[in-house]
C-alpha atoms as a PDB file:
ATOM      1  CA  MET A   1     209.791 -15.366 144.645  1.00  0.00           C
ATOM      2  CA  ALA A   2     209.815 -18.081 141.897  1.00  0.00           C
ATOM      3  CA  CYS A   3     213.688 -18.700 142.852  1.00  0.00           C
ATOM      4  CA  VAL A   4     212.651 -19.384 146.378  1.00  0.00           C
ATOM      5  CA  ALA A   5     209.804 -21.486 145.487  1.00  0.00           C
ATOM      6  CA  LEU A   6     212.118 -23.419 143.266  1.00  0.00           C
ATOM      7  CA  LEU A   7     214.787 -23.581 146.085  1.00  0.00           C
ATOM      8  CA  LEU A   8     212.702 -24.672 148.949  1.00  0.00           C
ATOM      9  CA  PRO A   9     211.793 -28.166 148.090  1.00  0.00           C
ATOM     10  CA  THR A  10     215.340 -28.975 146.879  1.00  0.00           C
ATOM     11  CA  LEU A  11     216.699 -27.510 150.544  1.00  0.00           C
ATOM     12  CA  LEU A  12     214.042 -29.501 152.195  1.00  0.00           C
ATOM     13  CA  ILE A  13     214.966 -32.876 150.671  1.00  0.00           C
ATOM     14  CA  LEU A  14     218.558 -32.127 151.609  1.00  0.00           C
ATOM     15  CA  ILE A  15     217.601 -31.710 155.281  1.00  0.00           C
ATOM     16  CA  VAL A  16     215.227 -34.802 155.458  1.00  0.00           C
ATOM     17  CA  GLN A  17     217.914 -36.891 153.743  1.00  0.00           C
ATOM     18  CA  ARG A  18     220.422 -35.808 156.293  1.00  0.00           C
ATOM     19  CA  CYS A  19     218.023 -36.596 159.086  1.00  0.00           C
ATOM     20  CA  TYR A  20     217.185 -39.966 157.631  1.00  0.00           C
ATOM     21  CA  THR A  21     220.697 -41.182 157.207  1.00  0.00           C
ATOM     22  CA  ARG A  22     220.911 -40.838 161.021  1.00  0.00           C
ATOM     23  CA  ILE A  23     217.738 -42.795 161.750  1.00  0.00           C
ATOM     24  CA  ALA A  24     217.430 -45.215 158.918  1.00  0.00           C
ATOM     25  CA  LYS A  25     218.794 -48.173 160.685  1.00  0.00           C
ATOM     26  CA  TYR A  26     215.989 -48.089 163.255  1.00  0.00           C
ATOM     27  CA  SER A  27     213.284 -50.483 162.777  1.00  0.00           C
ATOM     28  CA  ALA A  28     210.701 -48.088 163.878  1.00  0.00           C
ATOM     29  CA  THR A  29     211.817 -45.757 160.929  1.00  0.00           C
ATOM     30  CA  GLN A  30     211.114 -48.781 158.386  1.00  0.00           C
ATOM     31  CA  GLY A  31     207.606 -49.358 159.926  1.00  0.00           C
ATOM     32  CA  LEU A  32     206.764 -45.538 159.811  1.00  0.00           C
ATOM     33  CA  LEU A  33     207.788 -45.420 156.145  1.00  0.00           C
ATOM     34  CA  ASP A  34     205.823 -48.597 155.539  1.00  0.00           C
ATOM     35  CA  GLY A  35     202.802 -46.847 156.727  1.00  0.00           C
ATOM     36  CA  VAL A  36     203.433 -43.767 154.930  1.00  0.00           C
ATOM     37  CA  VAL A  37     203.611 -45.525 151.759  1.00  0.00           C
ATOM     38  CA  ILE A  38     200.397 -47.292 152.305  1.00  0.00           C
ATOM     39  CA  VAL A  39     198.763 -43.984 152.986  1.00  0.00           C
ATOM     40  CA  ILE A  40     199.994 -42.567 149.766  1.00  0.00           C
ATOM     41  CA  ALA A  41     198.914 -45.606 147.665  1.00  0.00           C
ATOM     42  CA  SER A  42     195.434 -45.442 149.137  1.00  0.00           C
ATOM     43  CA  PHE A  43     195.070 -41.637 148.585  1.00  0.00           C
ATOM     44  CA  SER A  44     196.434 -42.370 144.944  1.00  0.00           C
ATOM     45  CA  VAL A  45     193.539 -44.951 144.450  1.00  0.00           C
ATOM     46  CA  ILE A  46     191.180 -42.399 145.899  1.00  0.00           C
ATOM     47  CA  VAL A  47     192.127 -39.533 143.588  1.00  0.00           C
ATOM     48  CA  VAL A  48     192.038 -41.800 140.397  1.00  0.00           C
ATOM     49  CA  PHE A  49     188.582 -43.053 141.217  1.00  0.00           C
ATOM     50  CA  LYS A  50     187.283 -39.433 141.708  1.00  0.00           C
ATOM     51  CA  ILE A  51     189.024 -38.516 138.435  1.00  0.00           C
ATOM     52  CA  PHE A  52     187.190 -41.451 136.675  1.00  0.00           C
ATOM     53  CA  VAL A  53     183.865 -40.308 138.174  1.00  0.00           C
ATOM     54  CA  SER A  54     184.193 -36.686 137.421  1.00  0.00           C
ATOM     55  CA  ASN A  55     185.324 -37.463 133.758  1.00  0.00           C
ATOM     56  CA  GLY A  56     183.113 -40.195 133.080  1.00  0.00           C
ATOM     57  CA  ILE A  57     184.306 -43.751 132.757  1.00  0.00           C
ATOM     58  CA  ASP A  58     184.687 -44.914 129.085  1.00  0.00           C
ATOM     59  CA  VAL A  59     186.690 -47.567 127.194  1.00  0.00           C
ATOM     60  CA  GLU A  60     189.431 -45.110 126.373  1.00  0.00           C
ATOM     61  CA  THR A  61     190.063 -43.968 129.980  1.00  0.00           C
ATOM     62  CA  ILE A  62     189.990 -47.537 131.268  1.00  0.00           C
ATOM     63  CA  ALA A  63     192.559 -48.650 128.559  1.00  0.00           C
ATOM     64  CA  ILE A  64     194.812 -45.828 129.332  1.00  0.00           C
ATOM     65  CA  ALA A  65     194.537 -46.515 132.964  1.00  0.00           C
ATOM     66  CA  SER A  66     195.145 -50.425 132.695  1.00  0.00           C
ATOM     67  CA  ILE A  67     198.238 -49.915 130.388  1.00  0.00           C
ATOM     68  CA  SER A  68     199.630 -47.330 132.266  1.00  0.00           C
ATOM     69  CA  SER A  69     199.350 -49.492 135.684  1.00  0.00           C
ATOM     70  CA  ILE A  70     200.725 -52.509 134.071  1.00  0.00           C
ATOM     71  CA  LEU A  71     203.595 -50.404 132.608  1.00  0.00           C
ATOM     72  CA  ALA A  72     204.305 -48.878 135.937  1.00  0.00           C
ATOM     73  CA  ILE A  73     204.100 -52.087 137.905  1.00  0.00           C
ATOM     74  CA  SER A  74     206.471 -53.990 135.561  1.00  0.00           C
ATOM     75  CA  ARG A  75     209.033 -50.862 135.805  1.00  0.00           C
ATOM     76  CA  ARG A  76     210.023 -51.441 132.160  1.00  0.00           C
ATOM     77  CA  VAL A  77     209.070 -47.969 131.186  1.00  0.00           C
ATOM     78  CA  SER A  78     209.707 -44.669 132.993  1.00  0.00           C
ATOM     79  CA  THR A  79     206.791 -43.215 134.915  1.00  0.00           C
ATOM     80  CA  ASN A  80     207.356 -39.867 132.939  1.00  0.00           C
ATOM     81  CA  VAL A  81     207.327 -41.467 129.513  1.00  0.00           C
ATOM     82  CA  ILE A  82     203.958 -43.366 130.864  1.00  0.00           C
ATOM     83  CA  LEU A  83     202.728 -39.897 131.651  1.00  0.00           C
ATOM     84  CA  LEU A  84     203.463 -38.212 128.433  1.00  0.00           C
ATOM     85  CA  VAL A  85     202.054 -41.069 126.316  1.00  0.00           C
ATOM     86  CA  SER A  86     198.909 -41.174 128.351  1.00  0.00           C
ATOM     87  CA  VAL A  87     198.472 -37.232 128.031  1.00  0.00           C
ATOM     88  CA  LEU A  88     199.062 -37.403 124.163  1.00  0.00           C
ATOM     89  CA  VAL A  89     196.499 -40.428 123.706  1.00  0.00           C
ATOM     90  CA  GLY A  90     194.032 -38.472 125.998  1.00  0.00           C
ATOM     91  CA  VAL A  91     194.364 -35.430 123.779  1.00  0.00           C
ATOM     92  CA  VAL A  92     194.286 -37.177 120.247  1.00  0.00           C
ATOM     93  CA  PHE A  93     191.279 -39.531 121.428  1.00  0.00           C
END
């Protein structure tokens, strides 16, 4: 079961990518993807807000979130590195 759980997302990505290459040139596809990006961004804001409310808003949390956001927007540091450092700072402090 674990192997199936590991293989299914990869196969799904390959199927979606194959279909996407066929329809990528249409403007409706770009409009749809722009809408999906907006929905994902708004859900991310809602999830972050709920995490802040459930854990309590303090100076360290705001500092971690602010610095992480600035680094992610600048794209100078990998998102994985930002997550790892944020976890370490959260655990230490």
